Amino acid sequence: MYTGSMRKIIAKPADEPRSVAVRNTAWVYAGVLVVMAVAQLFAFEKFVPLMDDYWLPGGHGTATLVASIVVFIEVFALPFLLRMYVSDGMRWFSLACSVLVPLIWLRLALYSTFAQELLKNGGLLGTKVAVSSDVQLLVASLLLVVSFYVVHGLWPAAKK
């Protein structure tokens, strides 16, 4: 029988953003992630073969895992960006996901570039909208800058 005190996980409101511009940028970034996730999930069975085109080590199994993880972290970045009521642990996890999204897409674009095989569709917007890997490199770089700006402005430990 457990006699110690049990710690409750409590959802809390997010701290206020540093500025209205940060809040609006976070909303735009969240909107971009929603569009990306929906486009990728719309035809997920065709999205996995797009990941196969990167020739990742491990073959089709790795491509399926990467495709699943990409969509997963795009969705789990939203609670932090939208400042939802979540626990502290979930807020930190969501913060990490918001930075990991552009890092993974940047890594995939760089992997394609260094392999000297520019893809006609890198999969950033699934199969419905073709985004070449060179454009994907630019978009992922911009998203990385935006994610750092938003994380700095919405930082959970930020105090005024």
C-alpha atoms as a PDB file:
ATOM      1  CA  MET A   1       0.000   0.000   0.000  1.00  0.00           C
ATOM      2  CA  TYR A   2       1.321   3.418  -0.994  1.00  0.00           C
ATOM      3  CA  THR A   3       1.218   5.909   1.880  1.00  0.00           C
ATOM      4  CA  GLY A   4       3.203   8.802   0.365  1.00  0.00           C
ATOM      5  CA  SER A   5       1.612  11.900  -1.030  1.00  0.00           C
ATOM      6  CA  MET A   6       0.484  11.724  -4.630  1.00  0.00           C
ATOM      7  CA  ARG A   7       1.419  14.601  -6.864  1.00  0.00           C
ATOM      8  CA  LYS A   8      -1.415  15.903  -8.996  1.00  0.00           C
ATOM      9  CA  ILE A   9      -0.934  16.944 -12.570  1.00  0.00           C
ATOM     10  CA  ILE A  10      -2.841  20.173 -12.968  1.00  0.00           C
ATOM     11  CA  ALA A  11      -3.507  22.090 -16.143  1.00  0.00           C
ATOM     12  CA  LYS A  12      -2.516  25.720 -15.786  1.00  0.00           C
ATOM     13  CA  PRO A  13      -2.927  28.778 -17.987  1.00  0.00           C
ATOM     14  CA  ALA A  14       0.134  29.928 -19.906  1.00  0.00           C
ATOM     15  CA  ASP A  15       2.108  32.982 -18.887  1.00  0.00           C
ATOM     16  CA  GLU A  16       1.355  36.155 -20.784  1.00  0.00           C
ATOM     17  CA  PRO A  17       3.446  36.604 -23.925  1.00  0.00           C
ATOM     18  CA  ARG A  18       6.118  39.290 -23.979  1.00  0.00           C
ATOM     19  CA  SER A  19       4.199  41.224 -26.642  1.00  0.00           C
ATOM     20  CA  VAL A  20       1.176  41.127 -28.903  1.00  0.00           C
ATOM     21  CA  ALA A  21       3.522  40.589 -31.873  1.00  0.00           C
ATOM     22  CA  VAL A  22       4.839  37.380 -30.294  1.00  0.00           C
ATOM     23  CA  ARG A  23       1.303  36.158 -29.638  1.00  0.00           C
ATOM     24  CA  ASN A  24       0.251  36.863 -33.238  1.00  0.00           C
ATOM     25  CA  THR A  25       3.405  35.243 -34.615  1.00  0.00           C
ATOM     26  CA  ALA A  26       2.712  32.155 -32.494  1.00  0.00           C
ATOM     27  CA  TRP A  27      -0.813  31.980 -33.933  1.00  0.00           C
ATOM     28  CA  VAL A  28       0.507  32.250 -37.493  1.00  0.00           C
ATOM     29  CA  TYR A  29       3.128  29.578 -36.782  1.00  0.00           C
ATOM     30  CA  ALA A  30       0.424  27.348 -35.283  1.00  0.00           C
ATOM     31  CA  GLY A  31      -1.690  27.898 -38.401  1.00  0.00           C
ATOM     32  CA  VAL A  32       1.215  26.871 -40.623  1.00  0.00           C
ATOM     33  CA  LEU A  33       1.721  23.710 -38.558  1.00  0.00           C
ATOM     34  CA  VAL A  34      -1.986  22.865 -38.762  1.00  0.00           C
ATOM     35  CA  VAL A  35      -1.931  23.264 -42.556  1.00  0.00           C
ATOM     36  CA  MET A  36       1.184  21.092 -42.775  1.00  0.00           C
ATOM     37  CA  ALA A  37      -0.243  18.349 -40.525  1.00  0.00           C
ATOM     38  CA  VAL A  38      -3.619  18.279 -42.268  1.00  0.00           C
ATOM     39  CA  ALA A  39      -1.994  18.188 -45.720  1.00  0.00           C
ATOM     40  CA  GLN A  40       0.270  15.337 -44.640  1.00  0.00           C
ATOM     41  CA  LEU A  41      -2.530  13.376 -42.973  1.00  0.00           C
ATOM     42  CA  PHE A  42      -4.948  13.937 -45.866  1.00  0.00           C
ATOM     43  CA  ALA A  43      -3.176  11.227 -47.857  1.00  0.00           C
ATOM     44  CA  PHE A  44      -0.859   9.676 -45.285  1.00  0.00           C
ATOM     45  CA  GLU A  45      -0.588   6.484 -47.316  1.00  0.00           C
ATOM     46  CA  LYS A  46       1.076   8.574 -50.050  1.00  0.00           C
ATOM     47  CA  PHE A  47       3.084  10.673 -47.569  1.00  0.00           C
ATOM     48  CA  VAL A  48       5.122   7.682 -46.377  1.00  0.00           C
ATOM     49  CA  PRO A  49       6.484   6.977 -49.898  1.00  0.00           C
ATOM     50  CA  LEU A  50       7.566  10.639 -50.051  1.00  0.00           C
ATOM     51  CA  MET A  51       9.689   9.962 -46.986  1.00  0.00           C
ATOM     52  CA  ASP A  52      11.041   6.872 -48.805  1.00  0.00           C
ATOM     53  CA  ASP A  53      12.422   9.235 -51.468  1.00  0.00           C
ATOM     54  CA  TYR A  54      14.937  10.553 -48.917  1.00  0.00           C
ATOM     55  CA  TRP A  55      16.636   7.129 -48.877  1.00  0.00           C
ATOM     56  CA  LEU A  56      16.879   7.189 -45.093  1.00  0.00           C
ATOM     57  CA  PRO A  57      18.979   4.494 -43.412  1.00  0.00           C
ATOM     58  CA  GLY A  58      16.677   1.633 -42.479  1.00  0.00           C
ATOM     59  CA  GLY A  59      14.497   1.806 -45.579  1.00  0.00           C
ATOM     60  CA  HIS A  60      10.720   1.827 -45.559  1.00  0.00           C
ATOM     61  CA  GLY A  61      10.459   1.194 -41.803  1.00  0.00           C
ATOM     62  CA  THR A  62      12.475   4.299 -40.995  1.00  0.00           C
ATOM     63  CA  ALA A  63      10.512   6.348 -43.528  1.00  0.00           C
ATOM     64  CA  THR A  64       7.240   5.273 -41.909  1.00  0.00           C
ATOM     65  CA  LEU A  65       8.585   6.112 -38.459  1.00  0.00           C
ATOM     66  CA  VAL A  66       9.864   9.534 -39.576  1.00  0.00           C
ATOM     67  CA  ALA A  67       6.555  10.343 -41.310  1.00  0.00           C
ATOM     68  CA  SER A  68       4.626   9.417 -38.161  1.00  0.00           C
ATOM     69  CA  ILE A  69       6.931  11.360 -35.854  1.00  0.00           C
ATOM     70  CA  VAL A  70       6.800  14.464 -38.055  1.00  0.00           C
ATOM     71  CA  VAL A  71       3.000  14.603 -37.956  1.00  0.00           C
ATOM     72  CA  PHE A  72       2.984  13.762 -34.231  1.00  0.00           C
ATOM     73  CA  ILE A  73       5.280  16.626 -33.268  1.00  0.00           C
ATOM     74  CA  GLU A  74       3.472  19.083 -35.559  1.00  0.00           C
ATOM     75  CA  VAL A  75       0.260  18.365 -33.673  1.00  0.00           C
ATOM     76  CA  PHE A  76       1.866  18.365 -30.214  1.00  0.00           C
ATOM     77  CA  ALA A  77       3.536  21.733 -30.839  1.00  0.00           C
ATOM     78  CA  LEU A  78       0.111  23.394 -30.898  1.00  0.00           C
ATOM     79  CA  PRO A  79      -0.691  23.521 -27.142  1.00  0.00           C
ATOM     80  CA  PHE A  80       2.393  25.658 -26.464  1.00  0.00           C
ATOM     81  CA  LEU A  81       1.845  27.919 -29.465  1.00  0.00           C
ATOM     82  CA  LEU A  82      -1.850  28.458 -28.718  1.00  0.00           C
ATOM     83  CA  ARG A  83      -1.165  28.918 -24.979  1.00  0.00           C
ATOM     84  CA  MET A  84      -3.654  26.226 -23.977  1.00  0.00           C
ATOM     85  CA  TYR A  85      -4.363  25.123 -20.428  1.00  0.00           C
ATOM     86  CA  VAL A  86      -1.901  22.242 -19.975  1.00  0.00           C
ATOM     87  CA  SER A  87       0.387  20.920 -17.254  1.00  0.00           C
ATOM     88  CA  ASP A  88       3.924  22.223 -16.917  1.00  0.00           C
ATOM     89  CA  GLY A  89       5.367  18.984 -18.294  1.00  0.00           C
ATOM     90  CA  MET A  90       3.123  19.109 -21.340  1.00  0.00           C
ATOM     91  CA  ARG A  91       3.975  22.774 -21.893  1.00  0.00           C
ATOM     92  CA  TRP A  92       7.711  21.945 -21.958  1.00  0.00           C
ATOM     93  CA  PHE A  93       7.117  18.943 -24.244  1.00  0.00           C
ATOM     94  CA  SER A  94       5.043  21.102 -26.585  1.00  0.00           C
ATOM     95  CA  LEU A  95       7.735  23.794 -26.551  1.00  0.00           C
ATOM     96  CA  ALA A  96      10.320  21.188 -27.589  1.00  0.00           C
ATOM     97  CA  CYS A  97       8.018  19.958 -30.370  1.00  0.00           C
ATOM     98  CA  SER A  98       7.602  23.512 -31.701  1.00  0.00           C
ATOM     99  CA  VAL A  99      11.382  23.730 -32.184  1.00  0.00           C
ATOM    100  CA  LEU A 100      11.797  20.141 -33.427  1.00  0.00           C
ATOM    101  CA  VAL A 101       9.381  20.564 -36.348  1.00  0.00           C
ATOM    102  CA  PRO A 102      11.556  22.935 -38.388  1.00  0.00           C
ATOM    103  CA  LEU A 103      14.721  21.130 -37.269  1.00  0.00           C
ATOM    104  CA  ILE A 104      13.481  17.824 -38.686  1.00  0.00           C
ATOM    105  CA  TRP A 105      12.345  19.406 -41.960  1.00  0.00           C
ATOM    106  CA  LEU A 106      15.645  21.270 -42.207  1.00  0.00           C
ATOM    107  CA  ARG A 107      17.549  18.046 -41.578  1.00  0.00           C
ATOM    108  CA  LEU A 108      15.576  16.233 -44.287  1.00  0.00           C
ATOM    109  CA  ALA A 109      16.122  19.063 -46.771  1.00  0.00           C
ATOM    110  CA  LEU A 110      19.845  19.162 -46.025  1.00  0.00           C
ATOM    111  CA  TYR A 111      20.038  15.368 -46.305  1.00  0.00           C
ATOM    112  CA  SER A 112      18.481  15.604 -49.757  1.00  0.00           C
ATOM    113  CA  THR A 113      20.751  18.481 -50.787  1.00  0.00           C
ATOM    114  CA  PHE A 114      23.960  16.793 -49.650  1.00  0.00           C
ATOM    115  CA  ALA A 115      22.902  13.569 -51.349  1.00  0.00           C
ATOM    116  CA  GLN A 116      22.779  15.732 -54.497  1.00  0.00           C
ATOM    117  CA  GLU A 117      19.283  14.582 -55.232  1.00  0.00           C
ATOM    118  CA  LEU A 118      16.837  17.490 -55.158  1.00  0.00           C
ATOM    119  CA  LEU A 119      13.343  16.117 -54.744  1.00  0.00           C
ATOM    120  CA  LYS A 120      10.411  17.440 -56.737  1.00  0.00           C
ATOM    121  CA  ASN A 121       8.257  17.045 -53.628  1.00  0.00           C
ATOM    122  CA  GLY A 122       9.921  17.003 -50.241  1.00  0.00           C
ATOM    123  CA  GLY A 123       6.621  16.343 -48.467  1.00  0.00           C
ATOM    124  CA  LEU A 124       6.373  19.566 -46.484  1.00  0.00           C
ATOM    125  CA  LEU A 125       2.729  19.905 -47.546  1.00  0.00           C
ATOM    126  CA  GLY A 126       2.060  16.240 -48.185  1.00  0.00           C
ATOM    127  CA  THR A 127       1.259  15.000 -51.654  1.00  0.00           C
ATOM    128  CA  LYS A 128      -1.361  17.553 -52.649  1.00  0.00           C
ATOM    129  CA  VAL A 129       1.019  20.522 -52.929  1.00  0.00           C
ATOM    130  CA  ALA A 130       4.489  19.750 -54.259  1.00  0.00           C
ATOM    131  CA  VAL A 131       7.241  21.659 -52.453  1.00  0.00           C
ATOM    132  CA  SER A 132      10.685  20.991 -53.882  1.00  0.00           C
ATOM    133  CA  SER A 133      13.495  20.250 -51.455  1.00  0.00           C
ATOM    134  CA  ASP A 134      15.300  23.528 -52.192  1.00  0.00           C
ATOM    135  CA  VAL A 135      12.168  25.532 -51.332  1.00  0.00           C
ATOM    136  CA  GLN A 136      11.687  23.256 -48.341  1.00  0.00           C
ATOM    137  CA  LEU A 137      15.182  24.206 -47.172  1.00  0.00           C
ATOM    138  CA  LEU A 138      14.257  27.892 -47.266  1.00  0.00           C
ATOM    139  CA  VAL A 139      10.861  27.382 -45.585  1.00  0.00           C
ATOM    140  CA  ALA A 140      12.329  25.178 -42.844  1.00  0.00           C
ATOM    141  CA  SER A 141      15.030  27.777 -42.167  1.00  0.00           C
ATOM    142  CA  LEU A 142      12.413  30.525 -41.855  1.00  0.00           C
ATOM    143  CA  LEU A 143      10.277  28.338 -39.595  1.00  0.00           C
ATOM    144  CA  LEU A 144      13.302  27.697 -37.386  1.00  0.00           C
ATOM    145  CA  VAL A 145      13.869  31.445 -36.943  1.00  0.00           C
ATOM    146  CA  VAL A 146      10.161  31.946 -36.220  1.00  0.00           C
ATOM    147  CA  SER A 147      10.152  29.091 -33.703  1.00  0.00           C
ATOM    148  CA  PHE A 148      13.092  30.584 -31.786  1.00  0.00           C
ATOM    149  CA  TYR A 149      11.385  33.994 -31.759  1.00  0.00           C
ATOM    150  CA  VAL A 150       8.139  32.486 -30.490  1.00  0.00           C
ATOM    151  CA  VAL A 151       9.852  30.316 -27.877  1.00  0.00           C
ATOM    152  CA  HIS A 152      11.728  33.352 -26.574  1.00  0.00           C
ATOM    153  CA  GLY A 153       8.501  35.378 -26.390  1.00  0.00           C
ATOM    154  CA  LEU A 154       6.314  32.642 -24.860  1.00  0.00           C
ATOM    155  CA  TRP A 155       8.992  31.051 -22.646  1.00  0.00           C
ATOM    156  CA  PRO A 156       7.199  29.397 -19.691  1.00  0.00           C
ATOM    157  CA  ALA A 157       9.777  30.673 -17.199  1.00  0.00           C
ATOM    158  CA  ALA A 158       9.669  34.251 -18.518  1.00  0.00           C
ATOM    159  CA  LYS A 159       8.853  36.829 -15.879  1.00  0.00           C
ATOM    160  CA  LYS A 160       8.221  40.491 -16.513  1.00  0.00           C
END
